[in-house]
Amino acid sequence: MFALMFAAIGGGIATVSVMAPTGLIPAFLSAPIGGSLCALLAAIHISRRPSEDGISQDELDAQTDEMVAALRSMAAQGKDAAIRPERESAASKAA
């Protein structure tokens, strides 16, 4: 997020410096457009960049499937524990 913010600020400053010879009013009016375009280009660059750890999409899908299977087995264990009544404690018998 900070990369996009810095790209937008830098793009706005660069746009003002490039447009300054035409006049200050057009330069300052075009700064938000230039900053937004630079932020858009930075976002596209970040989204296209491969992951830092070099894991392929197939490996990520396999990891996701393993995690889902583990969560489903834990949910099934929790369901079994909820169905099976536990021993009553001495306090519940006294009441």
PDB file of N, CA and C in Angstrom:
ATOM      1  N   MET A   1       0.821  -1.185   0.000  1.00  0.00           N
ATOM      2  CA  MET A   1       0.000   0.000   0.000  1.00  0.00           C
ATOM      3  C   MET A   1       0.871   1.257   0.000  1.00  0.00           C
ATOM      4  N   PHE A   2       1.970   1.181   0.769  1.00  0.00           N
ATOM      5  CA  PHE A   2       2.860   2.335   0.788  1.00  0.00           C
ATOM      6  C   PHE A   2       3.510   2.547  -0.578  1.00  0.00           C
ATOM      7  N   ALA A   3       3.770   1.459  -1.294  1.00  0.00           N
ATOM      8  CA  ALA A   3       4.364   1.590  -2.625  1.00  0.00           C
ATOM      9  C   ALA A   3       3.433   2.363  -3.555  1.00  0.00           C
ATOM     10  N   LEU A   4       2.141   2.078  -3.468  1.00  0.00           N
ATOM     11  CA  LEU A   4       1.177   2.804  -4.306  1.00  0.00           C
ATOM     12  C   LEU A   4       1.095   4.273  -3.904  1.00  0.00           C
ATOM     13  N   MET A   5       1.149   4.518  -2.606  1.00  0.00           N
ATOM     14  CA  MET A   5       1.085   5.896  -2.126  1.00  0.00           C
ATOM     15  C   MET A   5       2.303   6.687  -2.614  1.00  0.00           C
ATOM     16  N   PHE A   6       3.482   6.089  -2.477  1.00  0.00           N
ATOM     17  CA  PHE A   6       4.688   6.788  -2.923  1.00  0.00           C
ATOM     18  C   PHE A   6       4.715   6.950  -4.443  1.00  0.00           C
ATOM     19  N   ALA A   7       4.191   5.983  -5.167  1.00  0.00           N
ATOM     20  CA  ALA A   7       4.117   6.105  -6.624  1.00  0.00           C
ATOM     21  C   ALA A   7       3.187   7.245  -7.013  1.00  0.00           C
ATOM     22  N   ALA A   8       2.070   7.379  -6.320  1.00  0.00           N
ATOM     23  CA  ALA A   8       1.126   8.457  -6.624  1.00  0.00           C
ATOM     24  C   ALA A   8       1.731   9.822  -6.309  1.00  0.00           C
ATOM     25  N   ILE A   9       2.397   9.926  -5.166  1.00  0.00           N
ATOM     26  CA  ILE A   9       3.015  11.210  -4.804  1.00  0.00           C
ATOM     27  C   ILE A   9       4.127  11.560  -5.793  1.00  0.00           C
ATOM     28  N   GLY A  10       4.973  10.580  -6.086  1.00  0.00           N
ATOM     29  CA  GLY A  10       6.056  10.824  -7.045  1.00  0.00           C
ATOM     30  C   GLY A  10       5.536  11.160  -8.428  1.00  0.00           C
ATOM     31  N   GLY A  11       4.485  10.482  -8.841  1.00  0.00           N
ATOM     32  CA  GLY A  11       3.892  10.772 -10.146  1.00  0.00           C
ATOM     33  C   GLY A  11       3.285  12.160 -10.205  1.00  0.00           C
ATOM     34  N   GLY A  12       2.666  12.582  -9.115  1.00  0.00           N
ATOM     35  CA  GLY A  12       2.107  13.931  -9.072  1.00  0.00           C
ATOM     36  C   GLY A  12       3.183  14.995  -9.136  1.00  0.00           C
ATOM     37  N   ILE A  13       4.264  14.773  -8.390  1.00  0.00           N
ATOM     38  CA  ILE A  13       5.375  15.736  -8.407  1.00  0.00           C
ATOM     39  C   ILE A  13       6.030  15.767  -9.791  1.00  0.00           C
ATOM     40  N   ALA A  14       6.211  14.598 -10.385  1.00  0.00           N
ATOM     41  CA  ALA A  14       6.810  14.547 -11.722  1.00  0.00           C
ATOM     42  C   ALA A  14       5.913  15.232 -12.748  1.00  0.00           C
ATOM     43  N   THR A  15       4.611  15.056 -12.616  1.00  0.00           N
ATOM     44  CA  THR A  15       3.685  15.696 -13.552  1.00  0.00           C
ATOM     45  C   THR A  15       3.740  17.213 -13.425  1.00  0.00           C
ATOM     46  N   VAL A  16       3.807  17.711 -12.190  1.00  0.00           N
ATOM     47  CA  VAL A  16       3.908  19.159 -11.988  1.00  0.00           C
ATOM     48  C   VAL A  16       5.200  19.681 -12.599  1.00  0.00           C
ATOM     49  N   SER A  17       6.300  18.957 -12.398  1.00  0.00           N
ATOM     50  CA  SER A  17       7.577  19.449 -12.933  1.00  0.00           C
ATOM     51  C   SER A  17       7.603  19.416 -14.465  1.00  0.00           C
ATOM     52  N   VAL A  18       6.952  18.430 -15.064  1.00  0.00           N
ATOM     53  CA  VAL A  18       6.913  18.361 -16.528  1.00  0.00           C
ATOM     54  C   VAL A  18       5.964  19.418 -17.096  1.00  0.00           C
ATOM     55  N   MET A  19       4.852  19.659 -16.420  1.00  0.00           N
ATOM     56  CA  MET A  19       3.843  20.592 -16.922  1.00  0.00           C
ATOM     57  C   MET A  19       4.105  22.042 -16.512  1.00  0.00           C
ATOM     58  N   ALA A  20       5.092  22.299 -15.660  1.00  0.00           N
ATOM     59  CA  ALA A  20       5.348  23.653 -15.165  1.00  0.00           C
ATOM     60  C   ALA A  20       5.630  24.659 -16.282  1.00  0.00           C
ATOM     61  N   PRO A  21       6.317  24.305 -17.346  1.00  0.00           N
ATOM     62  CA  PRO A  21       6.541  25.310 -18.402  1.00  0.00           C
ATOM     63  C   PRO A  21       5.248  25.812 -19.054  1.00  0.00           C
ATOM     64  N   THR A  22       4.172  25.044 -19.006  1.00  0.00           N
ATOM     65  CA  THR A  22       2.911  25.492 -19.609  1.00  0.00           C
ATOM     66  C   THR A  22       2.156  26.442 -18.693  1.00  0.00           C
ATOM     67  N   GLY A  23       2.518  26.494 -17.435  1.00  0.00           N
ATOM     68  CA  GLY A  23       1.855  27.353 -16.469  1.00  0.00           C
ATOM     69  C   GLY A  23       1.596  26.588 -15.185  1.00  0.00           C
ATOM     70  N   LEU A  24       1.500  27.312 -14.088  1.00  0.00           N
ATOM     71  CA  LEU A  24       1.321  26.647 -12.797  1.00  0.00           C
ATOM     72  C   LEU A  24      -0.078  26.079 -12.617  1.00  0.00           C
ATOM     73  N   ILE A  25      -1.088  26.766 -13.122  1.00  0.00           N
ATOM     74  CA  ILE A  25      -2.456  26.265 -12.946  1.00  0.00           C
ATOM     75  C   ILE A  25      -2.659  24.949 -13.692  1.00  0.00           C
ATOM     76  N   PRO A  26      -2.303  24.856 -14.974  1.00  0.00           N
ATOM     77  CA  PRO A  26      -2.442  23.540 -15.629  1.00  0.00           C
ATOM     78  C   PRO A  26      -1.553  22.471 -14.994  1.00  0.00           C
ATOM     79  N   ALA A  27      -0.390  22.878 -14.504  1.00  0.00           N
ATOM     80  CA  ALA A  27       0.511  21.909 -13.876  1.00  0.00           C
ATOM     81  C   ALA A  27      -0.122  21.327 -12.619  1.00  0.00           C
ATOM     82  N   PHE A  28      -0.680  22.183 -11.769  1.00  0.00           N
ATOM     83  CA  PHE A  28      -1.289  21.685 -10.530  1.00  0.00           C
ATOM     84  C   PHE A  28      -2.607  20.962 -10.788  1.00  0.00           C
ATOM     85  N   LEU A  29      -3.312  21.334 -11.853  1.00  0.00           N
ATOM     86  CA  LEU A  29      -4.546  20.624 -12.177  1.00  0.00           C
ATOM     87  C   LEU A  29      -4.274  19.239 -12.765  1.00  0.00           C
ATOM     88  N   SER A  30      -3.136  19.074 -13.417  1.00  0.00           N
ATOM     89  CA  SER A  30      -2.816  17.768 -13.998  1.00  0.00           C
ATOM     90  C   SER A  30      -2.085  16.847 -13.025  1.00  0.00           C
ATOM     91  N   ALA A  31      -1.661  17.350 -11.882  1.00  0.00           N
ATOM     92  CA  ALA A  31      -0.928  16.530 -10.909  1.00  0.00           C
ATOM     93  C   ALA A  31      -1.737  15.333 -10.410  1.00  0.00           C
ATOM     94  N   PRO A  32      -3.026  15.484 -10.057  1.00  0.00           N
ATOM     95  CA  PRO A  32      -3.771  14.296  -9.611  1.00  0.00           C
ATOM     96  C   PRO A  32      -3.910  13.228 -10.694  1.00  0.00           C
ATOM     97  N   ILE A  33      -4.032  13.674 -11.942  1.00  0.00           N
ATOM     98  CA  ILE A  33      -4.155  12.701 -13.035  1.00  0.00           C
ATOM     99  C   ILE A  33      -2.846  11.934 -13.204  1.00  0.00           C
ATOM    100  N   GLY A  34      -1.728  12.652 -13.205  1.00  0.00           N
ATOM    101  CA  GLY A  34      -0.430  11.995 -13.332  1.00  0.00           C
ATOM    102  C   GLY A  34      -0.130  11.080 -12.157  1.00  0.00           C
ATOM    103  N   GLY A  35      -0.489  11.518 -10.954  1.00  0.00           N
ATOM    104  CA  GLY A  35      -0.280  10.673  -9.776  1.00  0.00           C
ATOM    105  C   GLY A  35      -1.128   9.422  -9.815  1.00  0.00           C
ATOM    106  N   SER A  36      -2.369   9.572 -10.254  1.00  0.00           N
ATOM    107  CA  SER A  36      -3.253   8.405 -10.352  1.00  0.00           C
ATOM    108  C   SER A  36      -2.764   7.416 -11.399  1.00  0.00           C
ATOM    109  N   LEU A  37      -2.286   7.927 -12.516  1.00  0.00           N
ATOM    110  CA  LEU A  37      -1.759   7.032 -13.554  1.00  0.00           C
ATOM    111  C   LEU A  37      -0.513   6.294 -13.069  1.00  0.00           C
ATOM    112  N   CYS A  38       0.352   6.985 -12.340  1.00  0.00           N
ATOM    113  CA  CYS A  38       1.545   6.313 -11.798  1.00  0.00           C
ATOM    114  C   CYS A  38       1.152   5.259 -10.769  1.00  0.00           C
ATOM    115  N   ALA A  39       0.163   5.545  -9.935  1.00  0.00           N
ATOM    116  CA  ALA A  39      -0.297   4.550  -8.962  1.00  0.00           C
ATOM    117  C   ALA A  39      -0.918   3.353  -9.669  1.00  0.00           C
ATOM    118  N   LEU A  40      -1.646   3.600 -10.749  1.00  0.00           N
ATOM    119  CA  LEU A  40      -2.226   2.501 -11.524  1.00  0.00           C
ATOM    120  C   LEU A  40      -1.137   1.624 -12.133  1.00  0.00           C
ATOM    121  N   LEU A  41      -0.117   2.244 -12.699  1.00  0.00           N
ATOM    122  CA  LEU A  41       0.994   1.476 -13.267  1.00  0.00           C
ATOM    123  C   LEU A  41       1.723   0.678 -12.187  1.00  0.00           C
ATOM    124  N   ALA A  42       1.894   1.275 -11.010  1.00  0.00           N
ATOM    125  CA  ALA A  42       2.547   0.554  -9.912  1.00  0.00           C
ATOM    126  C   ALA A  42       1.699  -0.627  -9.459  1.00  0.00           C
ATOM    127  N   ALA A  43       0.384  -0.450  -9.407  1.00  0.00           N
ATOM    128  CA  ALA A  43      -0.505  -1.549  -9.006  1.00  0.00           C
ATOM    129  C   ALA A  43      -0.457  -2.685 -10.020  1.00  0.00           C
ATOM    130  N   ILE A  44      -0.421  -2.349 -11.297  1.00  0.00           N
ATOM    131  CA  ILE A  44      -0.316  -3.385 -12.329  1.00  0.00           C
ATOM    132  C   ILE A  44       1.013  -4.119 -12.201  1.00  0.00           C
ATOM    133  N   HIS A  45       2.079  -3.372 -11.956  1.00  0.00           N
ATOM    134  CA  HIS A  45       3.396  -3.999 -11.792  1.00  0.00           C
ATOM    135  C   HIS A  45       3.419  -4.934 -10.585  1.00  0.00           C
ATOM    136  N   ILE A  46       2.844  -4.501  -9.479  1.00  0.00           N
ATOM    137  CA  ILE A  46       2.825  -5.331  -8.269  1.00  0.00           C
ATOM    138  C   ILE A  46       1.988  -6.584  -8.486  1.00  0.00           C
ATOM    139  N   SER A  47       0.856  -6.453  -9.164  1.00  0.00           N
ATOM    140  CA  SER A  47      -0.006  -7.619  -9.368  1.00  0.00           C
ATOM    141  C   SER A  47       0.595  -8.620 -10.350  1.00  0.00           C
ATOM    142  N   ARG A  48       1.399  -8.174 -11.280  1.00  0.00           N
ATOM    143  CA  ARG A  48       2.013  -9.063 -12.267  1.00  0.00           C
ATOM    144  C   ARG A  48       3.297  -9.717 -11.767  1.00  0.00           C
ATOM    145  N   ARG A  49       3.860  -9.166 -10.707  1.00  0.00           N
ATOM    146  CA  ARG A  49       5.132  -9.665 -10.188  1.00  0.00           C
ATOM    147  C   ARG A  49       4.946 -11.057  -9.600  1.00  0.00           C
ATOM    148  N   PRO A  50       5.869 -11.989  -9.866  1.00  0.00           N
ATOM    149  CA  PRO A  50       5.727 -13.331  -9.279  1.00  0.00           C
ATOM    150  C   PRO A  50       5.925 -13.274  -7.767  1.00  0.00           C
ATOM    151  N   SER A  51       5.431 -14.294  -7.094  1.00  0.00           N
ATOM    152  CA  SER A  51       5.546 -14.308  -5.639  1.00  0.00           C
ATOM    153  C   SER A  51       7.013 -14.358  -5.238  1.00  0.00           C
ATOM    154  N   GLU A  52       7.302 -13.837  -4.057  1.00  0.00           N
ATOM    155  CA  GLU A  52       8.682 -13.723  -3.603  1.00  0.00           C
ATOM    156  C   GLU A  52       9.301 -15.078  -3.276  1.00  0.00           C
ATOM    157  N   ASP A  53       8.500 -16.020  -2.833  1.00  0.00           N
ATOM    158  CA  ASP A  53       9.056 -17.302  -2.429  1.00  0.00           C
ATOM    159  C   ASP A  53       9.118 -18.292  -3.582  1.00  0.00           C
ATOM    160  N   GLY A  54       8.650 -17.936  -4.750  1.00  0.00           N
ATOM    161  CA  GLY A  54       8.779 -18.782  -5.924  1.00  0.00           C
ATOM    162  C   GLY A  54       7.856 -19.982  -5.958  1.00  0.00           C
ATOM    163  N   ILE A  55       6.774 -19.959  -5.206  1.00  0.00           N
ATOM    164  CA  ILE A  55       5.833 -21.074  -5.196  1.00  0.00           C
ATOM    165  C   ILE A  55       4.878 -20.912  -6.377  1.00  0.00           C
ATOM    166  N   SER A  56       4.682 -21.987  -7.119  1.00  0.00           N
ATOM    167  CA  SER A  56       3.787 -21.929  -8.273  1.00  0.00           C
ATOM    168  C   SER A  56       2.330 -21.986  -7.812  1.00  0.00           C
ATOM    169  N   GLN A  57       1.438 -21.674  -8.728  1.00  0.00           N
ATOM    170  CA  GLN A  57       0.008 -21.683  -8.408  1.00  0.00           C
ATOM    171  C   GLN A  57      -0.474 -23.086  -8.062  1.00  0.00           C
ATOM    172  N   ASP A  58       0.071 -24.106  -8.725  1.00  0.00           N
ATOM    173  CA  ASP A  58      -0.326 -25.485  -8.417  1.00  0.00           C
ATOM    174  C   ASP A  58       0.064 -25.868  -6.992  1.00  0.00           C
ATOM    175  N   GLU A  59       1.249 -25.435  -6.563  1.00  0.00           N
ATOM    176  CA  GLU A  59       1.678 -25.720  -5.188  1.00  0.00           C
ATOM    177  C   GLU A  59       0.796 -24.991  -4.181  1.00  0.00           C
ATOM    178  N   LEU A  60       0.419 -23.748  -4.497  1.00  0.00           N
ATOM    179  CA  LEU A  60      -0.473 -23.011  -3.602  1.00  0.00           C
ATOM    180  C   LEU A  60      -1.837 -23.685  -3.515  1.00  0.00           C
ATOM    181  N   ASP A  61      -2.342 -24.189  -4.644  1.00  0.00           N
ATOM    182  CA  ASP A  61      -3.620 -24.900  -4.636  1.00  0.00           C
ATOM    183  C   ASP A  61      -3.534 -26.167  -3.797  1.00  0.00           C
ATOM    184  N   ALA A  62      -2.424 -26.886  -3.896  1.00  0.00           N
ATOM    185  CA  ALA A  62      -2.249 -28.105  -3.098  1.00  0.00           C
ATOM    186  C   ALA A  62      -2.202 -27.774  -1.609  1.00  0.00           C
ATOM    187  N   GLN A  63      -1.504 -26.694  -1.243  1.00  0.00           N
ATOM    188  CA  GLN A  63      -1.458 -26.277   0.160  1.00  0.00           C
ATOM    189  C   GLN A  63      -2.848 -25.893   0.654  1.00  0.00           C
ATOM    190  N   THR A  64      -3.607 -25.202  -0.180  1.00  0.00           N
ATOM    191  CA  THR A  64      -4.962 -24.814   0.200  1.00  0.00           C
ATOM    192  C   THR A  64      -5.838 -26.041   0.406  1.00  0.00           C
ATOM    193  N   ASP A  65      -5.728 -27.027  -0.484  1.00  0.00           N
ATOM    194  CA  ASP A  65      -6.508 -28.255  -0.336  1.00  0.00           C
ATOM    195  C   ASP A  65      -6.148 -28.990   0.951  1.00  0.00           C
ATOM    196  N   GLU A  66      -4.856 -29.021   1.310  1.00  0.00           N
ATOM    197  CA  GLU A  66      -4.436 -29.666   2.554  1.00  0.00           C
ATOM    198  C   GLU A  66      -5.027 -28.950   3.765  1.00  0.00           C
ATOM    199  N   MET A  67      -5.015 -27.619   3.735  1.00  0.00           N
ATOM    200  CA  MET A  67      -5.565 -26.864   4.864  1.00  0.00           C
ATOM    201  C   MET A  67      -7.067 -27.074   4.991  1.00  0.00           C
ATOM    202  N   VAL A  68      -7.768 -27.102   3.868  1.00  0.00           N
ATOM    203  CA  VAL A  68      -9.215 -27.330   3.900  1.00  0.00           C
ATOM    204  C   VAL A  68      -9.516 -28.717   4.442  1.00  0.00           C
ATOM    205  N   ALA A  69      -8.744 -29.724   4.029  1.00  0.00           N
ATOM    206  CA  ALA A  69      -8.952 -31.084   4.531  1.00  0.00           C
ATOM    207  C   ALA A  69      -8.705 -31.147   6.034  1.00  0.00           C
ATOM    208  N   ALA A  70      -7.676 -30.456   6.515  1.00  0.00           N
ATOM    209  CA  ALA A  70      -7.398 -30.443   7.951  1.00  0.00           C
ATOM    210  C   ALA A  70      -8.529 -29.763   8.719  1.00  0.00           C
ATOM    211  N   LEU A  71      -9.042 -28.666   8.190  1.00  0.00           N
ATOM    212  CA  LEU A  71     -10.144 -27.973   8.863  1.00  0.00           C
ATOM    213  C   LEU A  71     -11.409 -28.822   8.877  1.00  0.00           C
ATOM    214  N   ARG A  72     -11.665 -29.534   7.792  1.00  0.00           N
ATOM    215  CA  ARG A  72     -12.854 -30.393   7.750  1.00  0.00           C
ATOM    216  C   ARG A  72     -12.735 -31.541   8.743  1.00  0.00           C
ATOM    217  N   SER A  73     -11.538 -32.109   8.886  1.00  0.00           N
ATOM    218  CA  SER A  73     -11.377 -33.198   9.855  1.00  0.00           C
ATOM    219  C   SER A  73     -11.533 -32.674  11.277  1.00  0.00           C
ATOM    220  N   MET A  74     -11.047 -31.465  11.541  1.00  0.00           N
ATOM    221  CA  MET A  74     -11.231 -30.881  12.875  1.00  0.00           C
ATOM    222  C   MET A  74     -12.705 -30.604  13.137  1.00  0.00           C
ATOM    223  N   ALA A  75     -13.428 -30.144  12.126  1.00  0.00           N
ATOM    224  CA  ALA A  75     -14.859 -29.890  12.293  1.00  0.00           C
ATOM    225  C   ALA A  75     -15.605 -31.191  12.550  1.00  0.00           C
ATOM    226  N   ALA A  76     -15.208 -32.261  11.868  1.00  0.00           N
ATOM    227  CA  ALA A  76     -15.851 -33.560  12.090  1.00  0.00           C
ATOM    228  C   ALA A  76     -15.570 -34.065  13.499  1.00  0.00           C
ATOM    229  N   GLN A  77     -14.355 -33.873  13.996  1.00  0.00           N
ATOM    230  CA  GLN A  77     -14.028 -34.266  15.364  1.00  0.00           C
ATOM    231  C   GLN A  77     -14.845 -33.460  16.363  1.00  0.00           C
ATOM    232  N   GLY A  78     -15.022 -32.178  16.086  1.00  0.00           N
ATOM    233  CA  GLY A  78     -15.828 -31.348  16.979  1.00  0.00           C
ATOM    234  C   GLY A  78     -17.280 -31.765  16.974  1.00  0.00           C
ATOM    235  N   LYS A  79     -17.785 -32.173  15.814  1.00  0.00           N
ATOM    236  CA  LYS A  79     -19.163 -32.647  15.717  1.00  0.00           C
ATOM    237  C   LYS A  79     -19.343 -33.933  16.514  1.00  0.00           C
ATOM    238  N   ASP A  80     -18.359 -34.847  16.396  1.00  0.00           N
ATOM    239  CA  ASP A  80     -18.424 -36.102  17.140  1.00  0.00           C
ATOM    240  C   ASP A  80     -18.392 -35.844  18.640  1.00  0.00           C
ATOM    241  N   ALA A  81     -17.592 -34.906  19.076  1.00  0.00           N
ATOM    242  CA  ALA A  81     -17.506 -34.595  20.502  1.00  0.00           C
ATOM    243  C   ALA A  81     -18.800 -33.960  20.996  1.00  0.00           C
ATOM    244  N   ALA A  82     -19.470 -33.192  20.152  1.00  0.00           N
ATOM    245  CA  ALA A  82     -20.721 -32.552  20.557  1.00  0.00           C
ATOM    246  C   ALA A  82     -21.851 -33.572  20.636  1.00  0.00           C
ATOM    247  N   ILE A  83     -21.826 -34.582  19.785  1.00  0.00           N
ATOM    248  CA  ILE A  83     -22.878 -35.598  19.793  1.00  0.00           C
ATOM    249  C   ILE A  83     -22.723 -36.529  20.987  1.00  0.00           C
ATOM    250  N   ARG A  84     -21.494 -36.912  21.298  1.00  0.00           N
ATOM    251  CA  ARG A  84     -21.218 -37.835  22.385  1.00  0.00           C
ATOM    252  C   ARG A  84     -21.315 -37.085  23.713  1.00  0.00           C
ATOM    253  N   PRO A  85     -22.227 -37.466  24.599  1.00  0.00           N
ATOM    254  CA  PRO A  85     -22.342 -36.752  25.872  1.00  0.00           C
ATOM    255  C   PRO A  85     -21.136 -37.045  26.767  1.00  0.00           C
ATOM    256  N   GLU A  86     -20.700 -36.032  27.450  1.00  0.00           N
ATOM    257  CA  GLU A  86     -19.587 -36.178  28.389  1.00  0.00           C
ATOM    258  C   GLU A  86     -20.113 -36.683  29.726  1.00  0.00           C
ATOM    259  N   ARG A  87     -19.203 -37.141  30.559  1.00  0.00           N
ATOM    260  CA  ARG A  87     -19.586 -37.574  31.905  1.00  0.00           C
ATOM    261  C   ARG A  87     -20.116 -36.393  32.686  1.00  0.00           C
ATOM    262  N   GLU A  88     -21.096 -36.626  33.474  1.00  0.00           N
ATOM    263  CA  GLU A  88     -21.611 -35.555  34.308  1.00  0.00           C
ATOM    264  C   GLU A  88     -20.666 -35.355  35.476  1.00  0.00           C
ATOM    265  N   SER A  89     -20.449 -34.115  35.833  1.00  0.00           N
ATOM    266  CA  SER A  89     -19.569 -33.828  36.959  1.00  0.00           C
ATOM    267  C   SER A  89     -20.361 -33.909  38.252  1.00  0.00           C
ATOM    268  N   ALA A  90     -19.647 -33.923  39.344  1.00  0.00           N
ATOM    269  CA  ALA A  90     -20.285 -34.020  40.655  1.00  0.00           C
ATOM    270  C   ALA A  90     -21.150 -32.798  40.931  1.00  0.00           C
ATOM    271  N   ALA A  91     -20.759 -31.656  40.425  1.00  0.00           N
ATOM    272  CA  ALA A  91     -21.528 -30.436  40.663  1.00  0.00           C
ATOM    273  C   ALA A  91     -22.884 -30.508  39.967  1.00  0.00           C
ATOM    274  N   SER A  92     -22.960 -31.097  38.792  1.00  0.00           N
ATOM    275  CA  SER A  92     -24.236 -31.165  38.093  1.00  0.00           C
ATOM    276  C   SER A  92     -25.168 -32.177  38.755  1.00  0.00           C
ATOM    277  N   LYS A  93     -24.618 -33.211  39.400  1.00  0.00           N
ATOM    278  CA  LYS A  93     -25.458 -34.170  40.108  1.00  0.00           C
ATOM    279  C   LYS A  93     -26.020 -33.560  41.382  1.00  0.00           C
ATOM    280  N   ALA A  94     -25.253 -32.692  42.005  1.00  0.00           N
ATOM    281  CA  ALA A  94     -25.687 -32.094  43.257  1.00  0.00           C
ATOM    282  C   ALA A  94     -26.822 -31.109  43.027  1.00  0.00           C
ATOM    283  N   ALA A  95     -26.896 -30.516  41.866  1.00  0.00           N
ATOM    284  CA  ALA A  95     -27.909 -29.499  41.597  1.00  0.00           C
ATOM    285  C   ALA A  95     -29.213 -30.105  41.296  1.00  0.00           C
TER     286      ALA A  95
END
